[in-house]
PDB file of N, CA and C in Angstrom:
ATOM      1  N   MET A   1     139.584 -26.173 -45.782  1.00  0.00           N
ATOM      2  CA  MET A   1     140.062 -25.766 -44.390  1.00  0.00           C
ATOM      3  C   MET A   1     139.019 -24.735 -43.692  1.00  0.00           C
ATOM      4  N   LYS A   2     138.621 -24.938 -42.731  1.00  0.00           N
ATOM      5  CA  LYS A   2     137.674 -24.243 -42.131  1.00  0.00           C
ATOM      6  C   LYS A   2     138.359 -22.681 -41.319  1.00  0.00           C
ATOM      7  N   THR A   3     137.922 -21.732 -41.884  1.00  0.00           N
ATOM      8  CA  THR A   3     138.731 -20.652 -41.595  1.00  0.00           C
ATOM      9  C   THR A   3     137.263 -19.371 -40.745  1.00  0.00           C
ATOM     10  N   ILE A   4     137.773 -18.409 -40.181  1.00  0.00           N
ATOM     11  CA  ILE A   4     136.643 -17.706 -39.500  1.00  0.00           C
ATOM     12  C   ILE A   4     137.795 -16.209 -39.444  1.00  0.00           C
ATOM     13  N   GLU A   5     137.319 -15.245 -40.576  1.00  0.00           N
ATOM     14  CA  GLU A   5     138.162 -13.831 -40.536  1.00  0.00           C
ATOM     15  C   GLU A   5     137.327 -12.759 -39.955  1.00  0.00           C
ATOM     16  N   VAL A   6     138.056 -11.998 -38.969  1.00  0.00           N
ATOM     17  CA  VAL A   6     137.802 -10.920 -38.850  1.00  0.00           C
ATOM     18  C   VAL A   6     138.417  -9.856 -39.545  1.00  0.00           C
ATOM     19  N   ILE A   7     137.560  -8.825 -40.027  1.00  0.00           N
ATOM     20  CA  ILE A   7     138.408  -7.811 -40.750  1.00  0.00           C
ATOM     21  C   ILE A   7     137.523  -6.520 -40.063  1.00  0.00           C
ATOM     22  N   VAL A   8     138.644  -5.480 -39.879  1.00  0.00           N
ATOM     23  CA  VAL A   8     138.382  -4.316 -39.198  1.00  0.00           C
ATOM     24  C   VAL A   8     138.808  -3.308 -40.243  1.00  0.00           C
ATOM     25  N   GLY A   9     137.575  -2.554 -40.351  1.00  0.00           N
ATOM     26  CA  GLY A   9     138.172  -1.240 -41.345  1.00  0.00           C
ATOM     27  C   GLY A   9     138.924  -0.338 -40.400  1.00  0.00           C
ATOM     28  N   PRO A  10     138.879   0.785 -41.579  1.00  0.00           N
ATOM     29  CA  PRO A  10     139.620   2.008 -40.820  1.00  0.00           C
ATOM     30  C   PRO A  10     138.782   3.310 -39.979  1.00  0.00           C
ATOM     31  N   ASP A  11     137.517   2.559 -40.446  1.00  0.00           N
ATOM     32  CA  ASP A  11     136.495   3.298 -39.425  1.00  0.00           C
ATOM     33  C   ASP A  11     135.855   2.830 -38.449  1.00  0.00           C
ATOM     34  N   GLY A  12     136.813   1.349 -38.185  1.00  0.00           N
ATOM     35  CA  GLY A  12     136.313   0.384 -37.020  1.00  0.00           C
ATOM     36  C   GLY A  12     135.049  -0.243 -36.950  1.00  0.00           C
ATOM     37  N   GLU A  13     134.727  -0.515 -38.110  1.00  0.00           N
ATOM     38  CA  GLU A  13     133.766  -1.385 -38.289  1.00  0.00           C
ATOM     39  C   GLU A  13     134.041  -2.480 -38.666  1.00  0.00           C
ATOM     40  N   SER A  14     133.501  -3.627 -38.272  1.00  0.00           N
ATOM     41  CA  SER A  14     134.023  -4.923 -38.113  1.00  0.00           C
ATOM     42  C   SER A  14     133.403  -6.084 -39.418  1.00  0.00           C
ATOM     43  N   ARG A  15     133.696  -6.673 -39.943  1.00  0.00           N
ATOM     44  CA  ARG A  15     133.190  -7.805 -40.646  1.00  0.00           C
ATOM     45  C   ARG A  15     133.799  -9.086 -40.203  1.00  0.00           C
ATOM     46  N   LEU A  16     132.666 -10.122 -40.205  1.00  0.00           N
ATOM     47  CA  LEU A  16     133.387 -11.024 -40.055  1.00  0.00           C
ATOM     48  C   LEU A  16     133.223 -12.462 -41.387  1.00  0.00           C
ATOM     49  N   GLU A  17     134.053 -13.294 -42.338  1.00  0.00           N
ATOM     50  CA  GLU A  17     133.789 -13.592 -43.184  1.00  0.00           C
ATOM     51  C   GLU A  17     134.181 -15.094 -42.890  1.00  0.00           C
ATOM     52  N   THR A  18     133.741 -15.839 -43.050  1.00  0.00           N
ATOM     53  CA  THR A  18     133.892 -17.644 -43.119  1.00  0.00           C
ATOM     54  C   THR A  18     133.964 -18.347 -44.492  1.00  0.00           C
ATOM     55  N   ASN A  19     134.847 -18.947 -44.668  1.00  0.00           N
ATOM     56  CA  ASN A  19     135.471 -19.964 -45.542  1.00  0.00           C
ATOM     57  C   ASN A  19     135.289 -21.331 -45.036  1.00  0.00           C
ATOM     58  N   GLY A  20     135.077 -21.904 -46.035  1.00  0.00           N
ATOM     59  CA  GLY A  20     135.110 -23.260 -45.614  1.00  0.00           C
ATOM     60  C   GLY A  20     133.775 -24.487 -45.019  1.00  0.00           C
ATOM     61  N   TYR A  21     132.582 -23.338 -44.764  1.00  0.00           N
ATOM     62  CA  TYR A  21     131.448 -23.821 -43.949  1.00  0.00           C
ATOM     63  C   TYR A  21     130.518 -24.449 -44.927  1.00  0.00           C
ATOM     64  N   GLY A  22     129.885 -25.110 -44.614  1.00  0.00           N
ATOM     65  CA  GLY A  22     128.398 -25.430 -45.502  1.00  0.00           C
ATOM     66  C   GLY A  22     127.736 -25.000 -44.565  1.00  0.00           C
ATOM     67  N   GLY A  23     126.335 -24.472 -45.335  1.00  0.00           N
ATOM     68  CA  GLY A  23     125.083 -24.204 -44.333  1.00  0.00           C
ATOM     69  C   GLY A  23     124.676 -23.591 -43.465  1.00  0.00           C
ATOM     70  N   SER A  24     124.523 -24.045 -42.500  1.00  0.00           N
ATOM     71  CA  SER A  24     124.516 -23.198 -41.412  1.00  0.00           C
ATOM     72  C   SER A  24     125.009 -22.872 -40.378  1.00  0.00           C
ATOM     73  N   ASP A  25     126.083 -23.661 -40.589  1.00  0.00           N
ATOM     74  CA  ASP A  25     127.609 -24.450 -39.721  1.00  0.00           C
ATOM     75  C   ASP A  25     128.266 -22.787 -39.798  1.00  0.00           C
ATOM     76  N   CYS A  26     128.009 -22.031 -40.394  1.00  0.00           N
ATOM     77  CA  CYS A  26     129.118 -20.780 -40.559  1.00  0.00           C
ATOM     78  C   CYS A  26     128.369 -20.237 -39.299  1.00  0.00           C
ATOM     79  N   ARG A  27     127.253 -19.787 -39.519  1.00  0.00           N
ATOM     80  CA  ARG A  27     126.310 -18.874 -38.449  1.00  0.00           C
ATOM     81  C   ARG A  27     126.929 -19.468 -37.154  1.00  0.00           C
ATOM     82  N   GLN A  28     126.690 -21.063 -36.807  1.00  0.00           N
ATOM     83  CA  GLN A  28     126.999 -21.539 -35.567  1.00  0.00           C
ATOM     84  C   GLN A  28     128.457 -21.319 -35.209  1.00  0.00           C
ATOM     85  N   ALA A  29     129.437 -21.203 -36.345  1.00  0.00           N
ATOM     86  CA  ALA A  29     131.087 -21.191 -36.008  1.00  0.00           C
ATOM     87  C   ALA A  29     131.017 -19.660 -35.561  1.00  0.00           C
ATOM     88  N   SER A  30     131.005 -18.756 -36.399  1.00  0.00           N
ATOM     89  CA  SER A  30     130.840 -17.392 -35.908  1.00  0.00           C
ATOM     90  C   SER A  30     130.144 -16.723 -34.833  1.00  0.00           C
ATOM     91  N   GLU A  31     129.115 -17.785 -33.779  1.00  0.00           N
ATOM     92  CA  GLU A  31     128.283 -17.146 -33.229  1.00  0.00           C
ATOM     93  C   GLU A  31     128.747 -16.217 -32.269  1.00  0.00           C
ATOM     94  N   PHE A  32     129.848 -17.213 -31.002  1.00  0.00           N
ATOM     95  CA  PHE A  32     130.640 -16.206 -30.278  1.00  0.00           C
ATOM     96  C   PHE A  32     131.546 -14.871 -30.465  1.00  0.00           C
ATOM     97  N   LEU A  33     131.963 -14.765 -32.100  1.00  0.00           N
ATOM     98  CA  LEU A  33     132.387 -13.225 -32.428  1.00  0.00           C
ATOM     99  C   LEU A  33     131.118 -12.251 -32.844  1.00  0.00           C
ATOM    100  N   GLU A  34     130.383 -12.852 -33.447  1.00  0.00           N
ATOM    101  CA  GLU A  34     128.997 -12.045 -33.533  1.00  0.00           C
ATOM    102  C   GLU A  34     128.681 -11.425 -31.888  1.00  0.00           C
ATOM    103  N   GLN A  35     128.731 -12.316 -31.333  1.00  0.00           N
ATOM    104  CA  GLN A  35     128.494 -11.468 -29.458  1.00  0.00           C
ATOM    105  C   GLN A  35     129.443 -10.862 -29.347  1.00  0.00           C
ATOM    106  N   ALA A  36     130.651 -10.970 -29.404  1.00  0.00           N
ATOM    107  CA  ALA A  36     131.687 -10.032 -28.943  1.00  0.00           C
ATOM    108  C   ALA A  36     131.692  -9.134 -29.869  1.00  0.00           C
ATOM    109  N   LEU A  37     131.503  -8.823 -30.824  1.00  0.00           N
ATOM    110  CA  LEU A  37     131.758  -7.358 -31.417  1.00  0.00           C
ATOM    111  C   LEU A  37     130.437  -6.846 -31.534  1.00  0.00           C
ATOM    112  N   GLY A  38     129.120  -6.448 -31.425  1.00  0.00           N
ATOM    113  CA  GLY A  38     128.056  -6.564 -31.389  1.00  0.00           C
ATOM    114  C   GLY A  38     127.302  -6.967 -31.988  1.00  0.00           C
ATOM    115  N   SER A  39     125.482  -6.370 -32.538  1.00  0.00           N
ATOM    116  CA  SER A  39     124.846  -6.790 -33.579  1.00  0.00           C
ATOM    117  C   SER A  39     125.129  -6.552 -34.611  1.00  0.00           C
ATOM    118  N   ARG A  40     124.489  -7.350 -35.480  1.00  0.00           N
ATOM    119  CA  ARG A  40     124.411  -7.595 -36.762  1.00  0.00           C
ATOM    120  C   ARG A  40     123.846  -6.507 -37.789  1.00  0.00           C
ATOM    121  N   GLN A  41     124.639  -5.701 -38.577  1.00  0.00           N
ATOM    122  CA  GLN A  41     124.066  -4.756 -39.070  1.00  0.00           C
ATOM    123  C   GLN A  41     123.350  -5.536 -40.520  1.00  0.00           C
ATOM    124  N   SER A  42     124.455  -6.380 -40.980  1.00  0.00           N
ATOM    125  CA  SER A  42     123.488  -6.907 -42.620  1.00  0.00           C
ATOM    126  C   SER A  42     124.179  -8.140 -42.490  1.00  0.00           C
ATOM    127  N   GLU A  43     123.696  -9.557 -43.400  1.00  0.00           N
ATOM    128  CA  GLU A  43     124.243 -10.130 -43.985  1.00  0.00           C
ATOM    129  C   GLU A  43     124.173 -10.866 -45.150  1.00  0.00           C
ATOM    130  N   ARG A  44     125.167 -11.059 -45.699  1.00  0.00           N
ATOM    131  CA  ARG A  44     125.543 -11.675 -47.577  1.00  0.00           C
ATOM    132  C   ARG A  44     125.927 -13.472 -47.219  1.00  0.00           C
ATOM    133  N   LEU A  45     125.239 -13.927 -47.717  1.00  0.00           N
ATOM    134  CA  LEU A  45     125.207 -15.338 -47.476  1.00  0.00           C
ATOM    135  C   LEU A  45     125.956 -15.701 -49.024  1.00  0.00           C
ATOM    136  N   LYS A  46     127.061 -16.430 -48.825  1.00  0.00           N
ATOM    137  CA  LYS A  46     127.080 -17.166 -50.138  1.00  0.00           C
ATOM    138  C   LYS A  46     127.007 -18.175 -50.830  1.00  0.00           C
ATOM    139  N   PRO A  47     127.308 -18.615 -51.780  1.00  0.00           N
ATOM    140  CA  PRO A  47     126.409 -19.673 -52.362  1.00  0.00           C
ATOM    141  C   PRO A  47     126.476 -21.309 -51.482  1.00  0.00           C
ATOM    142  N   GLU A  48     127.582 -21.520 -50.807  1.00  0.00           N
ATOM    143  CA  GLU A  48     127.834 -22.979 -49.872  1.00  0.00           C
ATOM    144  C   GLU A  48     126.619 -22.704 -48.949  1.00  0.00           C
ATOM    145  N   PHE A  49     126.461 -21.553 -49.156  1.00  0.00           N
ATOM    146  CA  PHE A  49     125.116 -21.931 -47.510  1.00  0.00           C
ATOM    147  C   PHE A  49     124.243 -22.599 -48.195  1.00  0.00           C
ATOM    148  N   TYR A  50     123.183 -21.596 -49.517  1.00  0.00           N
ATOM    149  CA  TYR A  50     122.094 -22.359 -50.266  1.00  0.00           C
ATOM    150  C   TYR A  50     122.558 -23.719 -50.606  1.00  0.00           C
ATOM    151  N   ALA A  51     123.707 -24.123 -51.270  1.00  0.00           N
ATOM    152  CA  ALA A  51     124.115 -25.804 -51.756  1.00  0.00           C
ATOM    153  C   ALA A  51     123.981 -26.916 -50.492  1.00  0.00           C
ATOM    154  N   GLN A  52     124.825 -26.228 -49.913  1.00  0.00           N
ATOM    155  CA  GLN A  52     124.803 -26.996 -48.235  1.00  0.00           C
ATOM    156  C   GLN A  52     122.867 -27.720 -47.778  1.00  0.00           C
ATOM    157  N   ALA A  53     122.232 -26.358 -47.883  1.00  0.00           N
ATOM    158  CA  ALA A  53     120.535 -26.530 -47.576  1.00  0.00           C
ATOM    159  C   ALA A  53     120.183 -27.241 -48.632  1.00  0.00           C
ATOM    160  N   ASP A  54     120.379 -27.095 -49.874  1.00  0.00           N
ATOM    161  CA  ASP A  54     120.078 -27.849 -50.741  1.00  0.00           C
ATOM    162  C   ASP A  54     120.185 -29.575 -51.084  1.00  0.00           C
ATOM    163  N   ALA A  55     121.643 -29.867 -50.517  1.00  0.00           N
ATOM    164  CA  ALA A  55     122.010 -31.038 -50.607  1.00  0.00           C
ATOM    165  C   ALA A  55     121.117 -31.532 -49.026  1.00  0.00           C
ATOM    166  N   ARG A  56     120.415 -31.335 -48.354  1.00  0.00           N
ATOM    167  CA  ARG A  56     119.868 -31.513 -47.004  1.00  0.00           C
ATOM    168  C   ARG A  56     118.828 -32.041 -47.140  1.00  0.00           C
ATOM    169  N   GLU A  57     117.895 -31.484 -47.810  1.00  0.00           N
ATOM    170  CA  GLU A  57     116.876 -31.363 -48.519  1.00  0.00           C
ATOM    171  C   GLU A  57     116.533 -32.034 -49.869  1.00  0.00           C
ATOM    172  N   GLN A  58     117.255 -32.406 -50.516  1.00  0.00           N
ATOM    173  CA  GLN A  58     117.199 -33.598 -51.160  1.00  0.00           C
ATOM    174  C   GLN A  58     117.449 -34.888 -50.473  1.00  0.00           C
ATOM    175  N   GLN A  59     118.083 -34.834 -50.132  1.00  0.00           N
ATOM    176  CA  GLN A  59     118.628 -36.518 -48.980  1.00  0.00           C
ATOM    177  C   GLN A  59     117.434 -36.701 -47.940  1.00  0.00           C
ATOM    178  N   GLN A  60     116.591 -35.508 -47.341  1.00  0.00           N
ATOM    179  CA  GLN A  60     115.645 -35.916 -46.826  1.00  0.00           C
ATOM    180  C   GLN A  60     114.346 -36.099 -47.461  1.00  0.00           C
ATOM    181  N   ALA A  61     114.331 -36.034 -48.566  1.00  0.00           N
ATOM    182  CA  ALA A  61     113.919 -35.942 -49.991  1.00  0.00           C
ATOM    183  C   ALA A  61     113.342 -37.726 -50.159  1.00  0.00           C
ATOM    184  N   ARG A  62     114.756 -37.652 -50.476  1.00  0.00           N
ATOM    185  CA  ARG A  62     115.250 -39.439 -50.775  1.00  0.00           C
ATOM    186  C   ARG A  62     114.575 -40.244 -49.426  1.00  0.00           C
ATOM    187  N   GLN A  63     114.774 -40.018 -48.379  1.00  0.00           N
ATOM    188  CA  GLN A  63     114.609 -40.678 -46.673  1.00  0.00           C
ATOM    189  C   GLN A  63     113.143 -41.077 -46.550  1.00  0.00           C
ATOM    190  N   ARG A  64     112.240 -40.343 -47.128  1.00  0.00           N
ATOM    191  CA  ARG A  64     110.313 -40.412 -46.955  1.00  0.00           C
ATOM    192  C   ARG A  64     109.771 -41.524 -47.545  1.00  0.00           C
TER     193      ARG A  64
END
């Protein structure tokens, strides 16, 4: 299941966490929230981000 969590700390700082997305799909899905919350201060990418990218690269290499 795909979810986007908005976590707001006691100091008012917000954090987005996406779950169930592969590759850069998480960025596309959460873009509207990032725009609403303000500029991104940092980014930590999960292993799923890289796993999906690796799978795409392997598939493209096979098609050549």
